C-alpha atoms as a PDB file:
ATOM      1  CA  MET A   1       0.000   0.000   0.000  1.00  0.00           C
ATOM      2  CA  ASP A   2       1.320   3.393  -1.059  1.00  0.00           C
ATOM      3  CA  LYS A   3       1.527   6.126   1.472  1.00  0.00           C
ATOM      4  CA  PRO A   4       0.116   9.492   0.415  1.00  0.00           C
ATOM      5  CA  LYS A   5       2.863  11.885  -0.443  1.00  0.00           C
ATOM      6  CA  THR A   6       3.018  14.753   2.062  1.00  0.00           C
ATOM      7  CA  SER A   7       4.426  18.062   1.002  1.00  0.00           C
ATOM      8  CA  SER A   8       6.102  20.373   3.418  1.00  0.00           C
ATOM      9  CA  PHE A   9       4.781  23.829   4.204  1.00  0.00           C
ATOM     10  CA  SER A  10       7.717  25.582   2.502  1.00  0.00           C
ATOM     11  CA  ARG A  11       7.229  23.738  -0.793  1.00  0.00           C
ATOM     12  CA  ASN A  12       3.592  24.679  -1.385  1.00  0.00           C
ATOM     13  CA  PRO A  13       3.416  27.979  -3.358  1.00  0.00           C
ATOM     14  CA  VAL A  14      -0.362  28.291  -3.026  1.00  0.00           C
ATOM     15  CA  LEU A  15      -0.093  28.345   0.740  1.00  0.00           C
ATOM     16  CA  TRP A  16       2.500  31.114   0.520  1.00  0.00           C
ATOM     17  CA  LEU A  17       0.060  33.198  -1.556  1.00  0.00           C
ATOM     18  CA  VAL A  18      -2.728  32.594   0.955  1.00  0.00           C
ATOM     19  CA  LEU A  19      -0.494  34.053   3.680  1.00  0.00           C
ATOM     20  CA  ALA A  20       1.422  36.710   1.712  1.00  0.00           C
ATOM     21  CA  ILE A  21      -1.502  38.590   0.154  1.00  0.00           C
ATOM     22  CA  PRO A  22      -3.274  39.417   3.463  1.00  0.00           C
ATOM     23  CA  ALA A  23       0.072  40.253   5.067  1.00  0.00           C
ATOM     24  CA  ALA A  24       0.955  42.639   2.218  1.00  0.00           C
ATOM     25  CA  THR A  25      -2.487  44.228   2.504  1.00  0.00           C
ATOM     26  CA  ILE A  26      -1.990  44.910   6.203  1.00  0.00           C
ATOM     27  CA  VAL A  27       1.468  46.420   5.608  1.00  0.00           C
ATOM     28  CA  ALA A  28       0.121  48.621   2.786  1.00  0.00           C
ATOM     29  CA  GLY A  29      -2.763  49.790   5.002  1.00  0.00           C
ATOM     30  CA  ILE A  30      -0.399  50.765   7.812  1.00  0.00           C
ATOM     31  CA  TRP A  31       1.867  52.588   5.323  1.00  0.00           C
ATOM     32  CA  THR A  32      -1.147  54.497   3.955  1.00  0.00           C
ATOM     33  CA  LEU A  33      -2.059  55.646   7.482  1.00  0.00           C
ATOM     34  CA  VAL A  34       1.519  56.788   8.122  1.00  0.00           C
ATOM     35  CA  VAL A  35       1.632  58.797   4.888  1.00  0.00           C
ATOM     36  CA  ALA A  36      -1.851  60.288   5.407  1.00  0.00           C
ATOM     37  CA  SER A  37      -1.056  61.476   8.911  1.00  0.00           C
ATOM     38  CA  GLY A  38       2.420  62.833   8.094  1.00  0.00           C
ATOM     39  CA  LYS A  39       3.589  66.432   8.400  1.00  0.00           C
ATOM     40  CA  SER A  40       2.383  67.385   4.923  1.00  0.00           C
ATOM     41  CA  ALA A  41      -1.015  65.730   5.340  1.00  0.00           C
ATOM     42  CA  VAL A  42      -2.884  68.993   5.134  1.00  0.00           C
ATOM     43  CA  ASP A  43      -4.995  70.645   2.491  1.00  0.00           C
ATOM     44  CA  ALA A  44      -3.093  72.114  -0.434  1.00  0.00           C
ATOM     45  CA  ASP A  45      -5.205  75.257  -0.103  1.00  0.00           C
ATOM     46  CA  PRO A  46      -3.723  77.597   2.534  1.00  0.00           C
ATOM     47  CA  ASP A  47      -7.082  79.268   3.282  1.00  0.00           C
ATOM     48  CA  PRO A  48      -8.952  78.297   6.415  1.00  0.00           C
ATOM     49  CA  VAL A  49     -11.441  75.590   5.535  1.00  0.00           C
ATOM     50  CA  ARG A  50     -14.595  74.713   7.473  1.00  0.00           C
ATOM     51  CA  ARG A  51     -15.692  71.080   7.325  1.00  0.00           C
ATOM     52  CA  THR A  52     -19.417  70.458   7.535  1.00  0.00           C
ATOM     53  CA  ALA A  53     -20.871  66.959   7.157  1.00  0.00           C
ATOM     54  CA  GLN A  54     -17.805  65.715   5.242  1.00  0.00           C
ATOM     55  CA  VAL A  55     -17.925  68.707   2.882  1.00  0.00           C
ATOM     56  CA  GLN A  56     -15.143  71.284   2.876  1.00  0.00           C
ATOM     57  CA  VAL A  57     -16.419  74.829   2.687  1.00  0.00           C
ATOM     58  CA  ALA A  58     -14.017  77.676   1.875  1.00  0.00           C
ATOM     59  CA  SER A  59     -14.923  81.334   1.631  1.00  0.00           C
ATOM     60  CA  ILE A  60     -15.021  82.815  -1.878  1.00  0.00           C
ATOM     61  CA  GLU A  61     -15.736  86.381  -0.746  1.00  0.00           C
ATOM     62  CA  ALA A  62     -12.227  87.592  -1.684  1.00  0.00           C
ATOM     63  CA  ASP A  63     -12.601  86.115  -5.185  1.00  0.00           C
ATOM     64  CA  ALA A  64     -16.045  87.713  -5.609  1.00  0.00           C
ATOM     65  CA  GLN A  65     -14.691  91.089  -4.453  1.00  0.00           C
ATOM     66  CA  ALA A  66     -11.841  90.939  -6.995  1.00  0.00           C
ATOM     67  CA  ALA A  67     -14.278  90.014  -9.761  1.00  0.00           C
ATOM     68  CA  SER A  68     -16.728  92.796  -8.899  1.00  0.00           C
ATOM     69  CA  ARG A  69     -13.903  95.375  -8.844  1.00  0.00           C
ATOM     70  CA  GLY A  70     -12.562  94.108 -12.172  1.00  0.00           C
ATOM     71  CA  LEU A  71      -9.086  93.495 -10.764  1.00  0.00           C
ATOM     72  CA  GLY A  72      -6.333  91.824 -12.728  1.00  0.00           C
ATOM     73  CA  ALA A  73      -2.551  91.697 -12.724  1.00  0.00           C
ATOM     74  CA  THR A  74       0.431  90.548 -14.741  1.00  0.00           C
ATOM     75  CA  LEU A  75       3.511  88.996 -13.171  1.00  0.00           C
ATOM     76  CA  VAL A  76       6.685  89.394 -15.239  1.00  0.00           C
ATOM     77  CA  ILE A  77       9.312  86.918 -14.066  1.00  0.00           C
ATOM     78  CA  GLU A  78      12.954  87.933 -14.239  1.00  0.00           C
ATOM     79  CA  SER A  79      16.052  85.953 -13.270  1.00  0.00           C
ATOM     80  CA  ASP A  80      16.264  86.974  -9.606  1.00  0.00           C
ATOM     81  CA  SER A  81      12.973  88.780  -8.987  1.00  0.00           C
ATOM     82  CA  ALA A  82       9.571  89.473 -10.503  1.00  0.00           C
ATOM     83  CA  LEU A  83       7.600  92.594 -11.361  1.00  0.00           C
ATOM     84  CA  LEU A  84       3.877  92.710 -10.625  1.00  0.00           C
ATOM     85  CA  ARG A  85       1.757  95.150 -12.622  1.00  0.00           C
ATOM     86  CA  LEU A  86      -1.812  95.675 -11.420  1.00  0.00           C
ATOM     87  CA  ASP A  87      -4.470  96.719 -13.936  1.00  0.00           C
ATOM     88  CA  GLN A  88      -5.782  99.324 -11.517  1.00  0.00           C
ATOM     89  CA  PRO A  89      -4.546 100.804  -8.234  1.00  0.00           C
ATOM     90  CA  THR A  90      -5.481  98.908  -5.094  1.00  0.00           C
ATOM     91  CA  GLY A  91      -4.057 101.246  -2.482  1.00  0.00           C
ATOM     92  CA  PRO A  92      -0.703 102.113  -0.969  1.00  0.00           C
ATOM     93  CA  ARG A  93      -0.263  98.896   1.005  1.00  0.00           C
ATOM     94  CA  ALA A  94       1.473  96.023  -0.727  1.00  0.00           C
ATOM     95  CA  PRO A  95      -0.418  92.830  -1.479  1.00  0.00           C
ATOM     96  CA  THR A  96       1.226  89.487  -0.776  1.00  0.00           C
ATOM     97  CA  LEU A  97       2.291  87.020  -3.454  1.00  0.00           C
ATOM     98  CA  GLN A  98       1.794  83.422  -2.347  1.00  0.00           C
ATOM     99  CA  LEU A  99       3.401  80.511  -4.182  1.00  0.00           C
ATOM    100  CA  VAL A 100       1.321  77.463  -3.286  1.00  0.00           C
ATOM    101  CA  HIS A 101       2.755  74.048  -4.080  1.00  0.00           C
ATOM    102  CA  PRO A 102      -0.001  71.826  -5.515  1.00  0.00           C
ATOM    103  CA  LEU A 103       0.854  68.809  -3.340  1.00  0.00           C
ATOM    104  CA  GLU A 104       3.340  69.604  -0.575  1.00  0.00           C
ATOM    105  CA  SER A 105       2.163  72.398   1.719  1.00  0.00           C
ATOM    106  CA  SER A 106       5.534  72.537   3.486  1.00  0.00           C
ATOM    107  CA  LEU A 107       7.020  73.907   0.222  1.00  0.00           C
ATOM    108  CA  ASP A 108       4.619  76.883   0.053  1.00  0.00           C
ATOM    109  CA  ARG A 109       6.317  80.288  -0.129  1.00  0.00           C
ATOM    110  CA  GLN A 110       5.138  83.790   0.559  1.00  0.00           C
ATOM    111  CA  LEU A 111       6.920  86.713  -1.107  1.00  0.00           C
ATOM    112  CA  ALA A 112       6.721  90.276   0.119  1.00  0.00           C
ATOM    113  CA  LEU A 113       6.266  92.931  -2.549  1.00  0.00           C
ATOM    114  CA  LEU A 114       8.218  96.183  -2.572  1.00  0.00           C
ATOM    115  CA  PRO A 115       7.130  99.407  -4.325  1.00  0.00           C
ATOM    116  CA  ASP A 116       8.522  99.899  -7.823  1.00  0.00           C
ATOM    117  CA  PRO A 117       7.871 102.710 -10.330  1.00  0.00           C
ATOM    118  CA  LYS A 118       6.224 100.143 -12.635  1.00  0.00           C
ATOM    119  CA  GLY A 119       4.185  98.358  -9.925  1.00  0.00           C
ATOM    120  CA  TRP A 120       5.402  96.016  -7.191  1.00  0.00           C
ATOM    121  CA  ARG A 121       8.628  93.976  -7.160  1.00  0.00           C
ATOM    122  CA  THR A 122       9.346  90.743  -5.306  1.00  0.00           C
ATOM    123  CA  ASP A 123      12.326  90.438  -3.029  1.00  0.00           C
ATOM    124  CA  GLY A 124      13.079  86.892  -4.167  1.00  0.00           C
ATOM    125  CA  PRO A 125      13.056  84.682  -7.249  1.00  0.00           C
ATOM    126  CA  VAL A 126       9.828  83.102  -8.469  1.00  0.00           C
ATOM    127  CA  ALA A 127      11.277  80.855 -11.185  1.00  0.00           C
ATOM    128  CA  SER A 128      11.348  77.206 -10.210  1.00  0.00           C
ATOM    129  CA  THR A 129      11.569  73.705 -11.613  1.00  0.00           C
ATOM    130  CA  HIS A 130       7.991  72.793 -10.678  1.00  0.00           C
ATOM    131  CA  VAL A 131       4.483  74.175 -11.040  1.00  0.00           C
ATOM    132  CA  TRP A 132       3.153  76.757  -8.549  1.00  0.00           C
ATOM    133  CA  GLN A 133      -0.334  78.030  -7.891  1.00  0.00           C
ATOM    134  CA  LEU A 134       0.062  81.810  -7.603  1.00  0.00           C
ATOM    135  CA  ARG A 135      -2.198  83.825  -5.335  1.00  0.00           C
ATOM    136  CA  LEU A 136      -2.052  87.585  -4.985  1.00  0.00           C
ATOM    137  CA  VAL A 137      -3.850  88.584  -1.786  1.00  0.00           C
ATOM    138  CA  ALA A 138      -4.683  92.082  -0.536  1.00  0.00           C
ATOM    139  CA  ASP A 139      -2.955  93.071   2.697  1.00  0.00           C
ATOM    140  CA  ASP A 140      -6.338  93.001   4.469  1.00  0.00           C
ATOM    141  CA  GLY A 141      -7.549  89.861   2.654  1.00  0.00           C
ATOM    142  CA  SER A 142     -10.408  91.698   0.956  1.00  0.00           C
ATOM    143  CA  TRP A 143      -9.574  90.475  -2.589  1.00  0.00           C
ATOM    144  CA  ARG A 144      -7.582  87.692  -4.223  1.00  0.00           C
ATOM    145  CA  LEU A 145      -6.228  86.991  -7.718  1.00  0.00           C
ATOM    146  CA  VAL A 146      -4.983  83.600  -8.864  1.00  0.00           C
ATOM    147  CA  GLY A 147      -2.790  82.191 -11.619  1.00  0.00           C
ATOM    148  CA  ARG A 148      -0.495  79.279 -12.392  1.00  0.00           C
ATOM    149  CA  TYR A 149       3.265  79.224 -12.975  1.00  0.00           C
ATOM    150  CA  HIS A 150       4.807  76.557 -15.201  1.00  0.00           C
ATOM    151  CA  PRO A 151       8.597  76.184 -15.421  1.00  0.00           C
ATOM    152  CA  GLY A 152       9.903  78.510 -18.116  1.00  0.00           C
ATOM    153  CA  ASP A 153       7.020  81.023 -17.920  1.00  0.00           C
ATOM    154  CA  THR A 154       8.147  84.644 -18.115  1.00  0.00           C
ATOM    155  CA  GLU A 155       4.751  86.360 -17.921  1.00  0.00           C
ATOM    156  CA  ILE A 156       1.692  85.192 -15.980  1.00  0.00           C
ATOM    157  CA  THR A 157      -1.778  86.702 -15.908  1.00  0.00           C
ATOM    158  CA  LEU A 158      -3.461  86.778 -12.508  1.00  0.00           C
ATOM    159  CA  ALA A 159      -7.253  87.031 -12.482  1.00  0.00           C
ATOM    160  CA  PRO A 160     -10.161  86.499 -10.075  1.00  0.00           C
ATOM    161  CA  ALA A 161     -11.130  82.861  -9.586  1.00  0.00           C
ATOM    162  CA  LEU A 162     -14.775  83.816 -10.235  1.00  0.00           C
ATOM    163  CA  ALA A 163     -16.315  85.466 -13.251  1.00  0.00           C
ATOM    164  CA  ALA A 164     -17.524  89.050 -12.858  1.00  0.00           C
ATOM    165  CA  PRO A 165     -21.211  89.279 -11.888  1.00  0.00           C
END
């Protein structure tokens, strides 16, 4: 009488799959939690956001104000600075130019603007090797213009995020 052939645990590839797939799933789930709760696990939008019933609500009042006033601007990028020309005067106090990284909030930059005979000038370079969301915000936060920088751009139009009423 022949004895049934017994295979050892280490020689059965199907058994390894039965154990490895759930184990890999658990490791991937833990890694996802670590990445999601890391230091850059915040919204890419630097504005305060209110969360109501799983919906994020951000204020668009500054965008509406810029649209109703017909504001617009052009940012001319130079090698070590940038010149901002506003379509119409907005007052004597300098707005702030924010460079918002689309994914990594720890890379966001904020550039102060200095008076210039042609408009406002940055005190630092804008040119970069990656894409930036540009936001020009009034010193009191009453209006906001937005635009997008792509590597190699030399002139960017900033406009309200909303259409004029």
